[in-house]
Amino acid sequence: MDRYTKGFVVAALVYFFLAALLGIWMGGTDAAGWVRFGHVHFNLLGFMTMMIYGVGYFILPRFNGRPLHWPSLVPIHFYIANIGLIGMVATAPERPSTGFILFSALSVVSAGMFAVNLGATMLIEPSSAEETSSSSSVASATEGKPIGASSSAPAGASEDKSEDKTEGAVPSATTPQAAQKVDPDMRVGEILTRWPQTVDVFVGHGFASLASPEHREQVKQIPITLRMACQRHNVDLDYMMSELNEAISPSFAAKATSAATEGGLAGKAKAKSPKGKLAKGETIGADHILGEILGAYPETEKVFRKYYGDGCFSCPGQATESVKQSAMMHNVSEKQLLTELNHAAGF
């Protein structure tokens, strides 16, 4: 969690404690009316609402596989929400008053900021790198120049071009295609759809379930980005991207090698081998991914259905969560789950 997302959760716990204190005061004495007001609003606008803000900012963008649409608004939202609530409780004895109305308005504005920001995150498609490259392609075409050409070309450019043609250089018409490459914020499903040849790269890095055509179709519907998938599988993102881009076009092989030499990528690749995938005949462990288990042992489906229900097979977590993570999230005994999974797999 970032600073302000965590701040919402911490604030929620503080307000919960304050509400509990006011509740004890109300129960033990004939407290004033503002005490009841503070108790109710510290619970509703403090504990419950602040917790929703913090958890919502953290989970919903990740679940949708998109960054928050306006992250710069989160700090502003944090201060407005807290100032509004504290001001409302402080001016409650004077209500209705100008101060109370202003602080109440701040609380309403803070709720609106949250709804608009998350609504935009879920409903508005983020602009992709493809749109940027395509717009630059159009701009270059209207100027009558190839993509990436400089207005201040060297004097001998025409001679160089003629020499390139005689030496069998790639024509400029192929330049837009060669410029396409994988972006870390692309969805895994989009990569698989545009470049089916990348399946072997994913499988080689531990995404064993993607070897199944049926599972690939499911993943294409899941809004999980390459960056998120690599984090969950403990795969080096830079190394993964270099291999994906190499699989897309041979021209990227030279670029990946050059980048490895300059930035030490080759050393990282050697030091960090791809995570092993679950193979048929191998026992199921706590760190194996649910989708990999289903791909290697389809008969384990009944065990997952027993503990997680039918929703497990359409859940985005299937492609990224391990047995350990899913057991913790569903409050299921990890040991019992592994025992039943291995029994179903024939061990």
Protein backbone atom coordinates (compact mmCIF):
# COMPACT_ATOMS: atom_id res chain seq x y z
CA MET A 1 0.00 0.00 0.00
CA ASP A 2 1.16 3.52 -0.69
CA ARG A 3 1.25 6.23 1.96
CA TYR A 4 -2.26 7.63 1.60
CA THR A 5 -4.01 4.33 0.91
CA LYS A 6 -2.49 3.01 4.11
CA GLY A 7 -3.37 6.32 5.76
CA PHE A 8 -7.06 5.72 5.12
CA VAL A 9 -6.87 2.32 6.83
CA VAL A 10 -4.96 3.71 9.82
CA ALA A 11 -7.43 6.60 10.12
CA ALA A 12 -10.31 4.11 10.04
CA LEU A 13 -8.84 2.22 12.99
CA VAL A 14 -8.31 5.46 14.94
CA TYR A 15 -11.92 6.53 14.35
CA PHE A 16 -13.11 3.08 15.39
CA PHE A 17 -11.28 3.47 18.70
CA LEU A 18 -12.71 6.98 19.23
CA ALA A 19 -16.22 5.73 18.45
CA ALA A 20 -15.79 2.96 21.02
CA LEU A 21 -14.73 5.48 23.68
CA LEU A 22 -17.73 7.68 22.93
CA GLY A 23 -19.95 4.60 23.07
CA ILE A 24 -18.70 3.79 26.57
CA TRP A 25 -19.30 7.40 27.57
CA MET A 26 -22.85 7.21 26.24
CA GLY A 27 -23.53 3.98 28.09
CA GLY A 28 -22.16 5.13 31.44
CA THR A 29 -23.43 8.68 31.66
CA ASP A 30 -26.16 10.96 30.45
CA ALA A 31 -23.97 12.23 27.63
CA ALA A 32 -24.74 15.31 25.56
CA GLY A 33 -26.30 15.01 22.12
CA TRP A 34 -23.04 15.76 20.29
CA VAL A 35 -21.50 12.66 21.90
CA ARG A 36 -24.08 10.47 20.18
CA PHE A 37 -23.49 12.40 16.95
CA GLY A 38 -19.74 11.86 17.24
CA HIS A 39 -20.17 8.17 18.05
CA VAL A 40 -22.37 7.55 15.02
CA HIS A 41 -20.28 9.56 12.56
CA PHE A 42 -16.91 8.26 13.76
CA ASN A 43 -18.31 4.79 13.11
CA LEU A 44 -19.95 5.50 9.74
CA LEU A 45 -17.84 8.22 8.11
CA GLY A 46 -14.74 7.35 10.10
CA PHE A 47 -14.29 3.63 10.53
CA MET A 48 -16.49 2.17 7.78
CA THR A 49 -16.07 4.81 5.08
CA MET A 50 -12.32 5.37 5.54
CA MET A 51 -11.77 1.61 5.45
CA ILE A 52 -13.75 1.41 2.21
CA TYR A 53 -11.66 4.23 0.75
CA GLY A 54 -8.35 2.56 1.63
CA VAL A 55 -9.29 -0.96 0.59
CA GLY A 56 -11.08 0.28 -2.53
CA TYR A 57 -8.08 2.27 -3.75
CA PHE A 58 -5.82 -0.72 -3.17
CA ILE A 59 -7.91 -3.61 -4.50
CA LEU A 60 -10.20 -2.41 -7.30
CA PRO A 61 -7.50 -1.05 -9.65
CA ARG A 62 -5.54 -4.29 -9.25
CA PHE A 63 -8.62 -6.42 -9.78
CA ASN A 64 -9.33 -4.55 -13.01
CA GLY A 65 -5.69 -4.67 -14.11
CA ARG A 66 -5.49 -0.90 -14.50
CA PRO A 67 -3.72 1.92 -12.66
CA LEU A 68 -5.83 4.39 -10.72
CA HIS A 69 -7.16 6.97 -13.18
CA TRP A 70 -6.25 10.04 -11.10
CA PRO A 71 -3.71 8.97 -8.43
CA SER A 72 -2.84 12.61 -7.68
CA LEU A 73 -6.34 13.09 -6.23
CA VAL A 74 -5.84 10.49 -3.47
CA PRO A 75 -3.79 12.76 -1.12
CA ILE A 76 -6.32 15.58 -1.63
CA HIS A 77 -9.16 13.16 -0.94
CA PHE A 78 -7.45 11.96 2.24
CA TYR A 79 -7.20 15.44 3.75
CA ILE A 80 -10.67 16.56 2.63
CA ALA A 81 -12.31 13.43 4.09
CA ASN A 82 -10.58 13.77 7.45
CA ILE A 83 -11.02 17.53 7.76
CA GLY A 84 -14.69 17.20 6.84
CA LEU A 85 -15.39 14.50 9.42
CA ILE A 86 -13.47 16.09 12.29
CA GLY A 87 -15.01 19.48 11.49
CA MET A 88 -18.52 18.03 11.46
CA VAL A 89 -18.09 16.45 14.89
CA ALA A 90 -16.42 19.58 16.31
CA THR A 91 -19.21 21.90 15.11
CA ALA A 92 -22.06 19.48 15.86
CA PRO A 93 -23.14 21.31 19.06
CA GLU A 94 -23.64 24.50 17.00
CA ARG A 95 -25.59 22.96 14.15
CA PRO A 96 -27.10 24.21 12.03
CA SER A 97 -24.25 26.65 11.49
CA THR A 98 -22.14 27.85 8.58
CA GLY A 99 -19.14 25.87 9.80
CA PHE A 100 -21.13 22.66 10.14
CA ILE A 101 -22.57 23.05 6.65
CA LEU A 102 -19.11 23.66 5.14
CA PHE A 103 -17.57 20.62 6.84
CA SER A 104 -20.54 18.49 5.83
CA ALA A 105 -20.05 19.64 2.24
CA LEU A 106 -16.40 18.55 2.42
CA SER A 107 -17.50 15.06 3.46
CA VAL A 108 -19.89 14.89 0.51
CA VAL A 109 -17.16 16.10 -1.86
CA SER A 110 -14.76 13.46 -0.55
CA ALA A 111 -17.30 10.71 -1.23
CA GLY A 112 -17.80 12.07 -4.73
CA MET A 113 -14.05 12.13 -5.41
CA PHE A 114 -13.78 8.48 -4.45
CA ALA A 115 -16.73 7.44 -6.61
CA VAL A 116 -15.56 9.41 -9.65
CA ASN A 117 -11.93 8.26 -9.41
CA LEU A 118 -12.74 4.58 -9.07
CA GLY A 119 -15.57 4.81 -11.58
CA ALA A 120 -13.21 6.30 -14.16
CA THR A 121 -10.63 3.62 -13.35
CA MET A 122 -13.08 0.81 -14.05
CA LEU A 123 -15.03 2.31 -16.96
CA ILE A 124 -12.51 4.36 -18.95
CA GLU A 125 -10.01 2.36 -20.98
CA PRO A 126 -6.45 3.63 -20.39
CA SER A 127 -4.64 4.93 -23.44
CA SER A 128 -2.26 2.28 -24.73
CA ALA A 129 1.21 2.58 -26.20
CA GLU A 130 -0.26 1.41 -29.49
CA GLU A 131 -2.40 4.52 -29.75
CA THR A 132 0.67 6.68 -29.18
CA SER A 133 2.71 4.85 -31.79
CA SER A 134 -0.17 4.85 -34.28
CA SER A 135 -0.71 8.58 -33.85
CA SER A 136 3.00 9.20 -34.42
CA SER A 137 2.78 6.98 -37.50
CA VAL A 138 -0.05 9.09 -38.87
CA ALA A 139 1.82 12.30 -38.10
CA SER A 140 4.94 11.01 -39.82
CA ALA A 141 2.93 9.86 -42.82
CA THR A 142 1.31 13.27 -43.24
CA GLU A 143 4.75 14.85 -43.24
CA GLY A 144 5.91 12.40 -45.90
CA LYS A 145 8.69 11.00 -43.68
CA PRO A 146 9.29 7.49 -42.33
CA ILE A 147 8.65 6.93 -38.64
CA GLY A 148 11.54 8.08 -36.49
CA ALA A 149 13.09 10.14 -39.30
CA SER A 150 14.71 13.38 -38.23
CA SER A 151 14.07 16.68 -39.98
CA SER A 152 17.78 17.38 -39.90
CA ALA A 153 19.01 14.34 -41.82
CA PRO A 154 22.71 14.15 -42.75
CA ALA A 155 23.73 15.35 -46.17
CA GLY A 156 24.67 11.86 -47.29
CA ALA A 157 21.40 10.30 -46.23
CA SER A 158 20.27 9.58 -49.79
CA GLU A 159 23.50 7.76 -50.55
CA ASP A 160 23.16 5.76 -47.32
CA LYS A 161 19.62 4.73 -48.24
CA SER A 162 20.69 3.54 -51.67
CA GLU A 163 23.52 1.55 -50.10
CA ASP A 164 21.13 0.00 -47.58
CA LYS A 165 18.84 -1.15 -50.38
CA THR A 166 21.70 -2.74 -52.28
CA GLU A 167 22.84 -4.50 -49.13
CA GLY A 168 19.38 -5.99 -48.54
CA ALA A 169 18.29 -3.75 -45.66
CA VAL A 170 14.74 -4.06 -44.37
CA PRO A 171 12.42 -1.68 -46.25
CA SER A 172 10.93 1.22 -44.35
CA ALA A 173 7.46 -0.27 -44.86
CA THR A 174 8.26 -2.88 -42.24
CA THR A 175 9.35 -0.30 -39.68
CA PRO A 176 5.92 0.09 -37.97
CA GLN A 177 5.64 -3.66 -37.54
CA ALA A 178 9.17 -3.92 -36.11
CA ALA A 179 8.41 -1.11 -33.68
CA GLN A 180 5.68 -3.12 -31.98
CA LYS A 181 6.79 -4.61 -28.70
CA VAL A 182 5.48 -5.82 -25.37
CA ASP A 183 4.75 -3.24 -22.71
CA PRO A 184 4.81 -4.22 -18.99
CA ASP A 185 1.33 -2.76 -18.50
CA MET A 186 -0.22 -4.76 -21.33
CA ARG A 187 -2.68 -7.42 -20.27
CA VAL A 188 -1.44 -10.98 -20.54
CA GLY A 189 -4.52 -11.83 -22.59
CA GLU A 190 -3.74 -9.05 -25.06
CA ILE A 191 -0.17 -10.30 -25.50
CA LEU A 192 -1.38 -13.85 -26.13
CA THR A 193 -4.00 -12.64 -28.60
CA ARG A 194 -1.67 -10.44 -30.63
CA TRP A 195 1.36 -12.72 -30.48
CA PRO A 196 0.35 -16.39 -30.00
CA GLN A 197 4.00 -17.42 -30.34
CA THR A 198 4.68 -15.98 -26.87
CA VAL A 199 2.93 -18.93 -25.21
CA ASP A 200 6.18 -20.89 -25.02
CA VAL A 201 7.87 -17.99 -23.25
CA PHE A 202 5.12 -17.80 -20.62
CA VAL A 203 5.15 -21.57 -20.08
CA GLY A 204 8.94 -21.56 -19.78
CA HIS A 205 8.73 -18.98 -17.00
CA GLY A 206 6.35 -20.96 -14.83
CA PHE A 207 2.96 -20.08 -16.34
CA ALA A 208 2.36 -23.76 -17.05
CA SER A 209 -1.42 -23.47 -17.17
CA LEU A 210 -1.15 -21.35 -20.33
CA ALA A 211 -0.11 -24.48 -22.21
CA SER A 212 -3.80 -25.39 -22.18
CA PRO A 213 -5.81 -23.68 -24.97
CA GLU A 214 -8.88 -23.64 -22.74
CA HIS A 215 -7.02 -21.86 -19.96
CA ARG A 216 -5.55 -19.35 -22.41
CA GLU A 217 -9.07 -18.40 -23.44
CA GLN A 218 -9.97 -17.85 -19.79
CA VAL A 219 -6.88 -15.72 -19.18
CA LYS A 220 -7.79 -13.52 -22.15
CA GLN A 221 -10.87 -12.47 -20.19
CA ILE A 222 -8.90 -11.65 -17.03
CA PRO A 223 -7.66 -8.05 -16.61
CA ILE A 224 -4.19 -8.89 -15.29
CA THR A 225 -1.13 -7.13 -16.66
CA LEU A 226 2.29 -8.60 -17.42
CA ARG A 227 3.79 -6.60 -14.54
CA MET A 228 1.25 -8.02 -12.07
CA ALA A 229 1.71 -11.58 -13.34
CA CYS A 230 5.50 -11.39 -13.04
CA GLN A 231 5.22 -10.06 -9.50
CA ARG A 232 2.92 -12.90 -8.49
CA HIS A 233 5.13 -15.58 -10.10
CA ASN A 234 8.39 -14.03 -8.87
CA VAL A 235 9.65 -13.67 -12.45
CA ASP A 236 12.12 -10.96 -13.45
CA LEU A 237 10.07 -8.48 -15.48
CA ASP A 238 12.95 -7.13 -17.60
CA TYR A 239 14.15 -10.61 -18.51
CA MET A 240 10.60 -11.72 -19.31
CA MET A 241 10.03 -8.72 -21.58
CA SER A 242 13.31 -9.30 -23.43
CA GLU A 243 12.32 -12.89 -24.18
CA LEU A 244 8.78 -11.94 -25.20
CA ASN A 245 10.06 -9.24 -27.55
CA GLU A 246 12.59 -11.66 -28.97
CA ALA A 247 9.79 -14.15 -29.63
CA ILE A 248 7.75 -11.46 -31.36
CA SER A 249 10.44 -10.40 -33.79
CA PRO A 250 14.00 -11.58 -34.42
CA SER A 251 15.03 -7.93 -34.68
CA PHE A 252 14.50 -7.59 -30.93
CA ALA A 253 17.10 -10.25 -30.18
CA ALA A 254 19.96 -7.89 -31.00
CA LYS A 255 18.35 -5.10 -28.97
CA ALA A 256 17.85 -7.39 -25.98
CA THR A 257 21.48 -8.51 -26.16
CA SER A 258 22.68 -4.91 -26.35
CA ALA A 259 20.48 -3.90 -23.40
CA ALA A 260 21.77 -6.86 -21.41
CA THR A 261 25.38 -5.82 -22.04
CA GLU A 262 24.78 -2.20 -21.07
CA GLY A 263 22.44 -2.67 -18.13
CA GLY A 264 23.56 -5.98 -16.72
CA LEU A 265 20.38 -7.72 -17.84
CA ALA A 266 22.28 -10.78 -18.95
CA GLY A 267 23.75 -11.18 -15.49
CA LYS A 268 20.31 -10.95 -13.93
CA ALA A 269 18.98 -13.52 -16.37
CA LYS A 270 21.71 -15.99 -15.47
CA ALA A 271 21.40 -15.37 -11.76
CA LYS A 272 17.64 -15.77 -11.78
CA SER A 273 16.37 -18.84 -13.57
CA PRO A 274 12.69 -19.17 -14.49
CA LYS A 275 10.46 -20.59 -11.85
CA GLY A 276 9.76 -24.30 -12.30
CA LYS A 277 6.34 -25.33 -13.50
CA LEU A 278 4.20 -28.15 -12.17
CA ALA A 279 4.63 -31.23 -14.34
CA LYS A 280 2.49 -34.35 -14.53
CA GLY A 281 3.78 -36.82 -11.98
CA GLU A 282 5.02 -34.12 -9.58
CA THR A 283 3.37 -33.72 -6.19
CA ILE A 284 1.42 -30.54 -5.57
CA GLY A 285 3.06 -28.02 -3.25
CA ALA A 286 1.90 -24.92 -1.41
CA ASP A 287 3.59 -22.57 -3.90
CA HIS A 288 2.05 -24.05 -7.03
CA ILE A 289 -0.41 -21.84 -8.91
CA LEU A 290 -4.05 -22.94 -9.04
CA GLY A 291 -4.22 -22.73 -12.82
CA GLU A 292 -1.07 -24.85 -13.15
CA ILE A 293 -2.56 -27.50 -10.88
CA LEU A 294 -5.78 -27.63 -12.89
CA GLY A 295 -3.76 -27.84 -16.11
CA ALA A 296 -1.61 -30.74 -14.89
CA TYR A 297 -4.29 -32.50 -12.86
CA PRO A 298 -7.83 -31.71 -14.11
CA GLU A 299 -9.18 -34.20 -11.59
CA THR A 300 -8.38 -31.72 -8.78
CA GLU A 301 -11.27 -29.57 -9.97
CA LYS A 302 -13.65 -31.30 -7.55
CA VAL A 303 -11.42 -30.35 -4.60
CA PHE A 304 -11.30 -26.68 -5.59
CA ARG A 305 -15.03 -26.71 -6.20
CA LYS A 306 -15.58 -28.19 -2.73
CA TYR A 307 -13.65 -25.45 -0.92
CA TYR A 308 -13.93 -22.44 -3.24
CA GLY A 309 -17.17 -23.01 -5.14
CA ASP A 310 -17.87 -22.57 -8.84
CA GLY A 311 -16.51 -19.02 -8.83
CA CYS A 312 -12.96 -20.36 -8.59
CA PHE A 313 -12.93 -21.26 -12.29
CA SER A 314 -13.72 -17.75 -13.50
CA CYS A 315 -11.75 -15.88 -10.83
CA PRO A 316 -8.68 -13.88 -11.94
CA GLY A 317 -6.77 -15.34 -8.99
CA GLN A 318 -6.64 -18.74 -10.67
CA ALA A 319 -3.86 -17.54 -12.97
CA THR A 320 -1.77 -15.91 -10.24
CA GLU A 321 -2.56 -17.29 -6.78
CA SER A 322 -0.77 -20.18 -5.12
CA VAL A 323 -2.34 -22.83 -2.92
CA LYS A 324 -0.92 -21.06 0.13
CA GLN A 325 -2.37 -17.67 -0.85
CA SER A 326 -5.80 -19.03 -1.76
CA ALA A 327 -6.05 -21.10 1.42
CA MET A 328 -5.26 -18.03 3.50
CA MET A 329 -7.80 -15.87 1.64
CA HIS A 330 -10.57 -18.46 1.94
CA ASN A 331 -9.71 -19.40 5.54
CA VAL A 332 -9.07 -23.02 4.54
CA SER A 333 -6.50 -25.33 6.12
CA GLU A 334 -3.51 -25.35 3.78
CA LYS A 335 -2.41 -28.79 4.99
CA GLN A 336 -5.86 -30.31 4.48
CA LEU A 337 -6.21 -28.73 1.04
CA LEU A 338 -2.82 -30.05 -0.11
CA THR A 339 -3.65 -33.51 1.21
CA GLU A 340 -6.90 -33.66 -0.75
CA LEU A 341 -5.37 -32.17 -3.90
CA ASN A 342 -2.55 -34.72 -3.93
CA HIS A 343 -5.00 -37.52 -3.19
CA ALA A 344 -7.15 -36.44 -6.14
CA ALA A 345 -4.01 -36.29 -8.31
CA GLY A 346 -3.22 -39.90 -7.43
CA PHE A 347 -0.56 -39.52 -4.74
